[in-house]
């Protein structure tokens, strides 16, 4: 893996961790029905949501998958909060 790829991967991991930390300030993460992996994947997909139409589809499919497992309401609330958080992070990056 090239140094640019490693740097980008590390940066994206920090951004996802930041998004989860900001989400934890708004919502009690332990009260959510998601596993840590599901929550991290949802945050990662929400971050990718802005890059392309294909990535938006991945985000929507993962939300549908989680909704089938955990119900529509908690997934919609967390996904919406993550989109707002990622908008704020994107604004701060500029």
PDB file of N, CA and C in Angstrom:
ATOM      1  N   UNK A   1       0.849  -1.168   0.000  1.00  0.00           N
ATOM      2  CA  UNK A   1       0.000   0.000   0.000  1.00  0.00           C
ATOM      3  C   UNK A   1       0.899   1.236   0.000  1.00  0.00           C
ATOM      4  N   UNK A   2       0.541   2.186  -0.839  1.00  0.00           N
ATOM      5  CA  UNK A   2       1.362   3.382  -0.943  1.00  0.00           C
ATOM      6  C   UNK A   2       1.184   4.271   0.281  1.00  0.00           C
ATOM      7  N   UNK A   3       2.090   5.186   0.450  1.00  0.00           N
ATOM      8  CA  UNK A   3       2.017   6.075   1.617  1.00  0.00           C
ATOM      9  C   UNK A   3       0.790   6.982   1.524  1.00  0.00           C
ATOM     10  N   UNK A   4       0.393   7.335   0.320  1.00  0.00           N
ATOM     11  CA  UNK A   4      -0.804   8.168   0.170  1.00  0.00           C
ATOM     12  C   UNK A   4      -2.050   7.400   0.583  1.00  0.00           C
ATOM     13  N   UNK A   5      -2.135   6.153   0.201  1.00  0.00           N
ATOM     14  CA  UNK A   5      -3.276   5.320   0.580  1.00  0.00           C
ATOM     15  C   UNK A   5      -3.327   5.106   2.089  1.00  0.00           C
ATOM     16  N   UNK A   6      -2.165   4.859   2.684  1.00  0.00           N
ATOM     17  CA  UNK A   6      -2.103   4.678   4.135  1.00  0.00           C
ATOM     18  C   UNK A   6      -2.508   5.950   4.863  1.00  0.00           C
ATOM     19  N   UNK A   7      -2.056   7.088   4.363  1.00  0.00           N
ATOM     20  CA  UNK A   7      -2.392   8.375   4.981  1.00  0.00           C
ATOM     21  C   UNK A   7      -3.891   8.642   4.874  1.00  0.00           C
ATOM     22  N   UNK A   8      -4.470   8.393   3.712  1.00  0.00           N
ATOM     23  CA  UNK A   8      -5.904   8.597   3.519  1.00  0.00           C
ATOM     24  C   UNK A   8      -6.720   7.666   4.403  1.00  0.00           C
ATOM     25  N   UNK A   9      -6.296   6.421   4.505  1.00  0.00           N
ATOM     26  CA  UNK A   9      -6.995   5.451   5.340  1.00  0.00           C
ATOM     27  C   UNK A   9      -6.944   5.872   6.814  1.00  0.00           C
ATOM     28  N   UNK A  10      -5.796   6.328   7.272  1.00  0.00           N
ATOM     29  CA  UNK A  10      -5.669   6.788   8.655  1.00  0.00           C
ATOM     30  C   UNK A  10      -6.516   8.036   8.897  1.00  0.00           C
ATOM     31  N   UNK A  11      -6.529   8.947   7.931  1.00  0.00           N
ATOM     32  CA  UNK A  11      -7.332  10.161   8.047  1.00  0.00           C
ATOM     33  C   UNK A  11      -8.823   9.828   8.138  1.00  0.00           C
ATOM     34  N   UNK A  12      -9.289   8.949   7.267  1.00  0.00           N
ATOM     35  CA  UNK A  12     -10.703   8.568   7.284  1.00  0.00           C
ATOM     36  C   UNK A  12     -11.069   7.876   8.593  1.00  0.00           C
ATOM     37  N   UNK A  13     -10.170   7.075   9.139  1.00  0.00           N
ATOM     38  CA  UNK A  13     -10.418   6.427  10.432  1.00  0.00           C
ATOM     39  C   UNK A  13     -10.549   7.468  11.537  1.00  0.00           C
ATOM     40  N   UNK A  14      -9.713   8.513  11.498  1.00  0.00           N
ATOM     41  CA  UNK A  14      -9.817   9.593  12.498  1.00  0.00           C
ATOM     42  C   UNK A  14     -11.121  10.358  12.354  1.00  0.00           C
ATOM     43  N   UNK A  15     -11.553  10.590  11.118  1.00  0.00           N
ATOM     44  CA  UNK A  15     -12.805  11.323  10.884  1.00  0.00           C
ATOM     45  C   UNK A  15     -13.994  10.502  11.375  1.00  0.00           C
ATOM     46  N   UNK A  16     -13.996   9.212  11.122  1.00  0.00           N
ATOM     47  CA  UNK A  16     -15.084   8.348  11.598  1.00  0.00           C
ATOM     48  C   UNK A  16     -15.095   8.319  13.123  1.00  0.00           C
ATOM     49  N   UNK A  17     -13.927   8.243  13.738  1.00  0.00           N
ATOM     50  CA  UNK A  17     -13.853   8.271  15.200  1.00  0.00           C
ATOM     51  C   UNK A  17     -14.369   9.604  15.738  1.00  0.00           C
ATOM     52  N   UNK A  18     -14.040  10.698  15.066  1.00  0.00           N
ATOM     53  CA  UNK A  18     -14.537  12.012  15.466  1.00  0.00           C
ATOM     54  C   UNK A  18     -16.055  12.082  15.338  1.00  0.00           C
ATOM     55  N   UNK A  19     -16.596  11.532  14.254  1.00  0.00           N
ATOM     56  CA  UNK A  19     -18.051  11.525  14.052  1.00  0.00           C
ATOM     57  C   UNK A  19     -18.736  10.719  15.152  1.00  0.00           C
ATOM     58  N   UNK A  20     -18.154   9.589  15.525  1.00  0.00           N
ATOM     59  CA  UNK A  20     -18.741   8.778  16.593  1.00  0.00           C
ATOM     60  C   UNK A  20     -18.648   9.487  17.944  1.00  0.00           C
ATOM     61  N   UNK A  21     -17.557  10.208  18.167  1.00  0.00           N
ATOM     62  CA  UNK A  21     -17.423  10.965  19.413  1.00  0.00           C
ATOM     63  C   UNK A  21     -18.467  12.072  19.479  1.00  0.00           C
ATOM     64  N   UNK A  22     -18.700  12.747  18.365  1.00  0.00           N
ATOM     65  CA  UNK A  22     -19.722  13.791  18.332  1.00  0.00           C
ATOM     66  C   UNK A  22     -21.116  13.192  18.503  1.00  0.00           C
ATOM     67  N   UNK A  23     -21.335  12.028  17.931  1.00  0.00           N
ATOM     68  CA  UNK A  23     -22.621  11.351  18.081  1.00  0.00           C
ATOM     69  C   UNK A  23     -22.843  10.953  19.537  1.00  0.00           C
ATOM     70  N   UNK A  24     -21.770  10.532  20.209  1.00  0.00           N
ATOM     71  CA  UNK A  24     -21.877  10.129  21.617  1.00  0.00           C
ATOM     72  C   UNK A  24     -22.288  11.298  22.505  1.00  0.00           C
ATOM     73  N   UNK A  25     -21.972  12.522  22.090  1.00  0.00           N
ATOM     74  CA  UNK A  25     -22.394  13.695  22.856  1.00  0.00           C
ATOM     75  C   UNK A  25     -23.894  13.947  22.716  1.00  0.00           C
ATOM     76  N   UNK A  26     -24.475  13.477  21.601  1.00  0.00           N
ATOM     77  CA  UNK A  26     -25.896  13.691  21.341  1.00  0.00           C
ATOM     78  C   UNK A  26     -26.763  12.523  21.807  1.00  0.00           C
ATOM     79  N   UNK A  27     -26.248  11.318  21.692  1.00  0.00           N
ATOM     80  CA  UNK A  27     -27.023  10.113  21.933  1.00  0.00           C
ATOM     81  C   UNK A  27     -26.216   9.174  22.819  1.00  0.00           C
ATOM     82  N   UNK A  28     -26.893   8.440  23.696  1.00  0.00           N
ATOM     83  CA  UNK A  28     -26.229   7.414  24.496  1.00  0.00           C
ATOM     84  C   UNK A  28     -25.986   6.202  23.601  1.00  0.00           C
ATOM     85  N   UNK A  29     -24.747   5.987  23.214  1.00  0.00           N
ATOM     86  CA  UNK A  29     -24.420   4.910  22.279  1.00  0.00           C
ATOM     87  C   UNK A  29     -24.685   3.526  22.871  1.00  0.00           C
ATOM     88  N   UNK A  30     -24.568   3.395  24.170  1.00  0.00           N
ATOM     89  CA  UNK A  30     -24.792   2.096  24.806  1.00  0.00           C
ATOM     90  C   UNK A  30     -26.273   1.712  24.780  1.00  0.00           C
ATOM     91  N   UNK A  31     -27.154   2.706  24.687  1.00  0.00           N
ATOM     92  CA  UNK A  31     -28.589   2.434  24.654  1.00  0.00           C
ATOM     93  C   UNK A  31     -29.067   2.029  23.261  1.00  0.00           C
ATOM     94  N   UNK A  32     -28.239   2.251  22.253  1.00  0.00           N
ATOM     95  CA  UNK A  32     -28.619   1.894  20.885  1.00  0.00           C
ATOM     96  C   UNK A  32     -28.553   0.376  20.707  1.00  0.00           C
ATOM     97  N   UNK A  33     -29.422  -0.177  19.852  1.00  0.00           N
ATOM     98  CA  UNK A  33     -29.437  -1.634  19.669  1.00  0.00           C
ATOM     99  C   UNK A  33     -28.336  -2.164  18.755  1.00  0.00           C
ATOM    100  N   UNK A  34     -27.466  -1.291  18.249  1.00  0.00           N
ATOM    101  CA  UNK A  34     -26.432  -1.696  17.300  1.00  0.00           C
ATOM    102  C   UNK A  34     -25.198  -2.206  18.014  1.00  0.00           C
ATOM    103  N   UNK A  35     -24.477  -3.093  17.333  1.00  0.00           N
ATOM    104  CA  UNK A  35     -23.167  -3.498  17.833  1.00  0.00           C
ATOM    105  C   UNK A  35     -22.173  -2.389  17.476  1.00  0.00           C
ATOM    106  N   UNK A  36     -21.001  -2.458  18.058  1.00  0.00           N
ATOM    107  CA  UNK A  36     -19.970  -1.458  17.758  1.00  0.00           C
ATOM    108  C   UNK A  36     -19.578  -1.493  16.278  1.00  0.00           C
ATOM    109  N   UNK A  37     -19.488  -2.689  15.720  1.00  0.00           N
ATOM    110  CA  UNK A  37     -19.138  -2.820  14.303  1.00  0.00           C
ATOM    111  C   UNK A  37     -20.211  -2.224  13.403  1.00  0.00           C
ATOM    112  N   UNK A  38     -21.478  -2.462  13.735  1.00  0.00           N
ATOM    113  CA  UNK A  38     -22.560  -1.901  12.936  1.00  0.00           C
ATOM    114  C   UNK A  38     -22.562  -0.379  13.000  1.00  0.00           C
ATOM    115  N   UNK A  39     -22.330   0.151  14.178  1.00  0.00           N
ATOM    116  CA  UNK A  39     -22.305   1.604  14.339  1.00  0.00           C
ATOM    117  C   UNK A  39     -21.126   2.223  13.598  1.00  0.00           C
ATOM    118  N   UNK A  40     -19.974   1.593  13.680  1.00  0.00           N
ATOM    119  CA  UNK A  40     -18.786   2.091  12.970  1.00  0.00           C
ATOM    120  C   UNK A  40     -19.001   2.014  11.456  1.00  0.00           C
ATOM    121  N   UNK A  41     -19.602   0.937  10.985  1.00  0.00           N
ATOM    122  CA  UNK A  41     -19.867   0.800   9.555  1.00  0.00           C
ATOM    123  C   UNK A  41     -20.876   1.839   9.091  1.00  0.00           C
ATOM    124  N   UNK A  42     -21.904   2.088   9.899  1.00  0.00           N
ATOM    125  CA  UNK A  42     -22.885   3.113   9.554  1.00  0.00           C
ATOM    126  C   UNK A  42     -22.220   4.485   9.477  1.00  0.00           C
ATOM    127  N   UNK A  43     -21.318   4.779  10.409  1.00  0.00           N
ATOM    128  CA  UNK A  43     -20.599   6.058  10.381  1.00  0.00           C
ATOM    129  C   UNK A  43     -19.698   6.140   9.152  1.00  0.00           C
ATOM    130  N   UNK A  44     -19.056   5.049   8.808  1.00  0.00           N
ATOM    131  CA  UNK A  44     -18.184   5.025   7.628  1.00  0.00           C
ATOM    132  C   UNK A  44     -19.001   5.217   6.351  1.00  0.00           C
ATOM    133  N   UNK A  45     -20.132   4.532   6.259  1.00  0.00           N
ATOM    134  CA  UNK A  45     -20.998   4.686   5.082  1.00  0.00           C
ATOM    135  C   UNK A  45     -21.577   6.096   5.003  1.00  0.00           C
ATOM    136  N   UNK A  46     -21.887   6.687   6.145  1.00  0.00           N
ATOM    137  CA  UNK A  46     -22.393   8.062   6.152  1.00  0.00           C
ATOM    138  C   UNK A  46     -21.306   9.024   5.677  1.00  0.00           C
ATOM    139  N   UNK A  47     -20.075   8.745   5.985  1.00  0.00           N
ATOM    140  CA  UNK A  47     -18.959   9.564   5.517  1.00  0.00           C
ATOM    141  C   UNK A  47     -18.802   9.435   4.005  1.00  0.00           C
ATOM    142  N   UNK A  48     -18.955   8.224   3.483  1.00  0.00           N
ATOM    143  CA  UNK A  48     -18.811   7.977   2.049  1.00  0.00           C
ATOM    144  C   UNK A  48     -20.007   8.493   1.250  1.00  0.00           C
ATOM    145  N   UNK A  49     -21.101   8.777   1.927  1.00  0.00           N
ATOM    146  CA  UNK A  49     -22.351   9.196   1.301  1.00  0.00           C
ATOM    147  C   UNK A  49     -22.161  10.349   0.334  1.00  0.00           C
ATOM    148  N   UNK A  50     -21.228  11.222   0.601  1.00  0.00           N
ATOM    149  CA  UNK A  50     -21.054  12.442  -0.178  1.00  0.00           C
ATOM    150  C   UNK A  50     -20.182  12.272  -1.414  1.00  0.00           C
ATOM    151  N   UNK A  51     -19.529  11.122  -1.577  1.00  0.00           N
ATOM    152  CA  UNK A  51     -18.544  10.999  -2.642  1.00  0.00           C
ATOM    153  C   UNK A  51     -19.128  10.623  -3.996  1.00  0.00           C
ATOM    154  N   UNK A  52     -20.141   9.745  -4.041  1.00  0.00           N
ATOM    155  CA  UNK A  52     -20.687   9.342  -5.332  1.00  0.00           C
ATOM    156  C   UNK A  52     -22.079   8.753  -5.160  1.00  0.00           C
ATOM    157  N   UNK A  53     -22.745   8.578  -6.280  1.00  0.00           N
ATOM    158  CA  UNK A  53     -24.087   7.979  -6.279  1.00  0.00           C
ATOM    159  C   UNK A  53     -24.024   6.516  -5.831  1.00  0.00           C
ATOM    160  N   UNK A  54     -22.974   5.814  -6.226  1.00  0.00           N
ATOM    161  CA  UNK A  54     -22.797   4.419  -5.836  1.00  0.00           C
ATOM    162  C   UNK A  54     -22.655   4.294  -4.320  1.00  0.00           C
ATOM    163  N   UNK A  55     -21.894   5.204  -3.725  1.00  0.00           N
ATOM    164  CA  UNK A  55     -21.692   5.175  -2.278  1.00  0.00           C
ATOM    165  C   UNK A  55     -22.987   5.519  -1.545  1.00  0.00           C
ATOM    166  N   UNK A  56     -23.810   6.392  -2.130  1.00  0.00           N
ATOM    167  CA  UNK A  56     -25.113   6.700  -1.533  1.00  0.00           C
ATOM    168  C   UNK A  56     -25.979   5.448  -1.491  1.00  0.00           C
ATOM    169  N   UNK A  57     -25.888   4.659  -2.541  1.00  0.00           N
ATOM    170  CA  UNK A  57     -26.628   3.403  -2.584  1.00  0.00           C
ATOM    171  C   UNK A  57     -26.160   2.437  -1.511  1.00  0.00           C
ATOM    172  N   UNK A  58     -24.860   2.383  -1.272  1.00  0.00           N
ATOM    173  CA  UNK A  58     -24.316   1.527  -0.205  1.00  0.00           C
ATOM    174  C   UNK A  58     -24.852   1.955   1.147  1.00  0.00           C
ATOM    175  N   UNK A  59     -24.885   3.264   1.374  1.00  0.00           N
ATOM    176  CA  UNK A  59     -25.395   3.810   2.629  1.00  0.00           C
ATOM    177  C   UNK A  59     -26.869   3.444   2.798  1.00  0.00           C
ATOM    178  N   UNK A  60     -27.661   3.626   1.750  1.00  0.00           N
ATOM    179  CA  UNK A  60     -29.090   3.315   1.816  1.00  0.00           C
ATOM    180  C   UNK A  60     -29.333   1.823   2.030  1.00  0.00           C
ATOM    181  N   UNK A  61     -28.559   0.979   1.363  1.00  0.00           N
ATOM    182  CA  UNK A  61     -28.712  -0.469   1.541  1.00  0.00           C
ATOM    183  C   UNK A  61     -28.335  -0.900   2.948  1.00  0.00           C
ATOM    184  N   UNK A  62     -27.282  -0.286   3.507  1.00  0.00           N
ATOM    185  CA  UNK A  62     -26.884  -0.652   4.866  1.00  0.00           C
ATOM    186  C   UNK A  62     -27.921  -0.175   5.876  1.00  0.00           C
ATOM    187  N   UNK A  63     -28.497   1.018   5.644  1.00  0.00           N
ATOM    188  CA  UNK A  63     -29.577   1.490   6.519  1.00  0.00           C
ATOM    189  C   UNK A  63     -30.769   0.537   6.453  1.00  0.00           C
ATOM    190  N   UNK A  64     -31.111   0.064   5.253  1.00  0.00           N
ATOM    191  CA  UNK A  64     -32.221  -0.878   5.101  1.00  0.00           C
ATOM    192  C   UNK A  64     -31.919  -2.195   5.829  1.00  0.00           C
ATOM    193  N   UNK A  65     -30.686  -2.640   5.741  1.00  0.00           N
ATOM    194  CA  UNK A  65     -30.278  -3.868   6.433  1.00  0.00           C
ATOM    195  C   UNK A  65     -30.428  -3.699   7.943  1.00  0.00           C
ATOM    196  N   UNK A  66     -29.929  -2.590   8.473  1.00  0.00           N
ATOM    197  CA  UNK A  66     -30.044  -2.351   9.913  1.00  0.00           C
ATOM    198  C   UNK A  66     -31.498  -2.164  10.337  1.00  0.00           C
ATOM    199  N   UNK A  67     -32.291  -1.529   9.487  1.00  0.00           N
ATOM    200  CA  UNK A  67     -33.712  -1.330   9.803  1.00  0.00           C
ATOM    201  C   UNK A  67     -34.435  -2.667   9.908  1.00  0.00           C
ATOM    202  N   UNK A  68     -34.076  -3.596   9.059  1.00  0.00           N
ATOM    203  CA  UNK A  68     -34.690  -4.917   9.113  1.00  0.00           C
ATOM    204  C   UNK A  68     -34.306  -5.651  10.403  1.00  0.00           C
ATOM    205  N   UNK A  69     -33.120  -5.407  10.886  1.00  0.00           N
ATOM    206  CA  UNK A  69     -32.650  -6.090  12.100  1.00  0.00           C
ATOM    207  C   UNK A  69     -33.079  -5.388  13.384  1.00  0.00           C
ATOM    208  N   UNK A  70     -33.065  -4.034  13.383  1.00  0.00           N
ATOM    209  CA  UNK A  70     -33.246  -3.290  14.630  1.00  0.00           C
ATOM    210  C   UNK A  70     -34.435  -2.348  14.636  1.00  0.00           C
ATOM    211  N   UNK A  71     -35.131  -2.232  13.537  1.00  0.00           N
ATOM    212  CA  UNK A  71     -36.267  -1.322  13.477  1.00  0.00           C
ATOM    213  C   UNK A  71     -35.900  -0.028  12.767  1.00  0.00           C
ATOM    214  N   UNK A  72     -36.905   0.596  12.201  1.00  0.00           N
ATOM    215  CA  UNK A  72     -36.693   1.791  11.372  1.00  0.00           C
ATOM    216  C   UNK A  72     -36.308   3.019  12.191  1.00  0.00           C
ATOM    217  N   UNK A  73     -36.945   3.220  13.330  1.00  0.00           N
ATOM    218  CA  UNK A  73     -36.783   4.467  14.084  1.00  0.00           C
ATOM    219  C   UNK A  73     -35.361   4.735  14.571  1.00  0.00           C
ATOM    220  N   UNK A  74     -34.712   3.792  15.269  1.00  0.00           N
ATOM    221  CA  UNK A  74     -33.352   4.110  15.743  1.00  0.00           C
ATOM    222  C   UNK A  74     -32.353   4.292  14.602  1.00  0.00           C
ATOM    223  N   UNK A  75     -32.523   3.525  13.534  1.00  0.00           N
ATOM    224  CA  UNK A  75     -31.598   3.619  12.401  1.00  0.00           C
ATOM    225  C   UNK A  75     -31.743   4.978  11.722  1.00  0.00           C
ATOM    226  N   UNK A  76     -32.977   5.411  11.495  1.00  0.00           N
ATOM    227  CA  UNK A  76     -33.211   6.696  10.832  1.00  0.00           C
ATOM    228  C   UNK A  76     -32.663   7.850  11.661  1.00  0.00           C
ATOM    229  N   UNK A  77     -32.863   7.798  12.968  1.00  0.00           N
ATOM    230  CA  UNK A  77     -32.386   8.879  13.836  1.00  0.00           C
ATOM    231  C   UNK A  77     -30.859   8.962  13.845  1.00  0.00           C
ATOM    232  N   UNK A  78     -30.214   7.828  13.975  1.00  0.00           N
ATOM    233  CA  UNK A  78     -28.741   7.806  14.021  1.00  0.00           C
ATOM    234  C   UNK A  78     -28.161   8.182  12.666  1.00  0.00           C
ATOM    235  N   UNK A  79     -28.745   7.669  11.587  1.00  0.00           N
ATOM    236  CA  UNK A  79     -28.247   7.985  10.247  1.00  0.00           C
ATOM    237  C   UNK A  79     -28.382   9.471   9.949  1.00  0.00           C
ATOM    238  N   UNK A  80     -29.510  10.056  10.317  1.00  0.00           N
ATOM    239  CA  UNK A  80     -29.707  11.489  10.096  1.00  0.00           C
ATOM    240  C   UNK A  80     -28.706  12.306  10.914  1.00  0.00           C
ATOM    241  N   UNK A  81     -28.477  11.895  12.145  1.00  0.00           N
ATOM    242  CA  UNK A  81     -27.503  12.606  12.984  1.00  0.00           C
ATOM    243  C   UNK A  81     -26.100  12.493  12.393  1.00  0.00           C
ATOM    244  N   UNK A  82     -25.746  11.326  11.869  1.00  0.00           N
ATOM    245  CA  UNK A  82     -24.417  11.155  11.274  1.00  0.00           C
ATOM    246  C   UNK A  82     -24.252  11.984  10.005  1.00  0.00           C
ATOM    247  N   UNK A  83     -25.306  12.129   9.217  1.00  0.00           N
ATOM    248  CA  UNK A  83     -25.221  12.971   8.018  1.00  0.00           C
ATOM    249  C   UNK A  83     -24.989  14.423   8.419  1.00  0.00           C
ATOM    250  N   UNK A  84     -25.686  14.896   9.446  1.00  0.00           N
ATOM    251  CA  UNK A  84     -25.505  16.272   9.923  1.00  0.00           C
ATOM    252  C   UNK A  84     -24.090  16.456  10.468  1.00  0.00           C
ATOM    253  N   UNK A  85     -23.616  15.481  11.234  1.00  0.00           N
ATOM    254  CA  UNK A  85     -22.264  15.551  11.791  1.00  0.00           C
ATOM    255  C   UNK A  85     -21.228  15.576  10.669  1.00  0.00           C
ATOM    256  N   UNK A  86     -21.402  14.746   9.662  1.00  0.00           N
ATOM    257  CA  UNK A  86     -20.456  14.722   8.548  1.00  0.00           C
ATOM    258  C   UNK A  86     -20.514  16.003   7.724  1.00  0.00           C
ATOM    259  N   UNK A  87     -21.683  16.621   7.638  1.00  0.00           N
ATOM    260  CA  UNK A  87     -21.770  17.925   7.000  1.00  0.00           C
ATOM    261  C   UNK A  87     -20.926  18.949   7.762  1.00  0.00           C
ATOM    262  N   UNK A  88     -21.035  18.917   9.097  1.00  0.00           N
ATOM    263  CA  UNK A  88     -20.253  19.842   9.929  1.00  0.00           C
ATOM    264  C   UNK A  88     -18.754  19.580   9.779  1.00  0.00           C
ATOM    265  N   UNK A  89     -18.375  18.317   9.772  1.00  0.00           N
ATOM    266  CA  UNK A  89     -16.958  17.968   9.617  1.00  0.00           C
ATOM    267  C   UNK A  89     -16.459  18.430   8.241  1.00  0.00           C
ATOM    268  N   UNK A  90     -17.254  18.204   7.206  1.00  0.00           N
ATOM    269  CA  UNK A  90     -16.881  18.627   5.862  1.00  0.00           C
ATOM    270  C   UNK A  90     -16.735  20.140   5.771  1.00  0.00           C
ATOM    271  N   UNK A  91     -17.612  20.865   6.447  1.00  0.00           N
ATOM    272  CA  UNK A  91     -17.517  22.319   6.463  1.00  0.00           C
ATOM    273  C   UNK A  91     -16.239  22.771   7.171  1.00  0.00           C
ATOM    274  N   UNK A  92     -15.897  22.079   8.265  1.00  0.00           N
ATOM    275  CA  UNK A  92     -14.676  22.430   9.002  1.00  0.00           C
ATOM    276  C   UNK A  92     -13.415  22.094   8.204  1.00  0.00           C
ATOM    277  N   UNK A  93     -13.485  21.098   7.337  1.00  0.00           N
ATOM    278  CA  UNK A  93     -12.323  20.715   6.523  1.00  0.00           C
ATOM    279  C   UNK A  93     -11.980  21.784   5.489  1.00  0.00           C
ATOM    280  N   UNK A  94     -12.974  22.528   5.059  1.00  0.00           N
ATOM    281  CA  UNK A  94     -12.734  23.532   4.019  1.00  0.00           C
ATOM    282  C   UNK A  94     -12.115  24.747   4.552  1.00  0.00           C
TER     283      UNK A  94
END
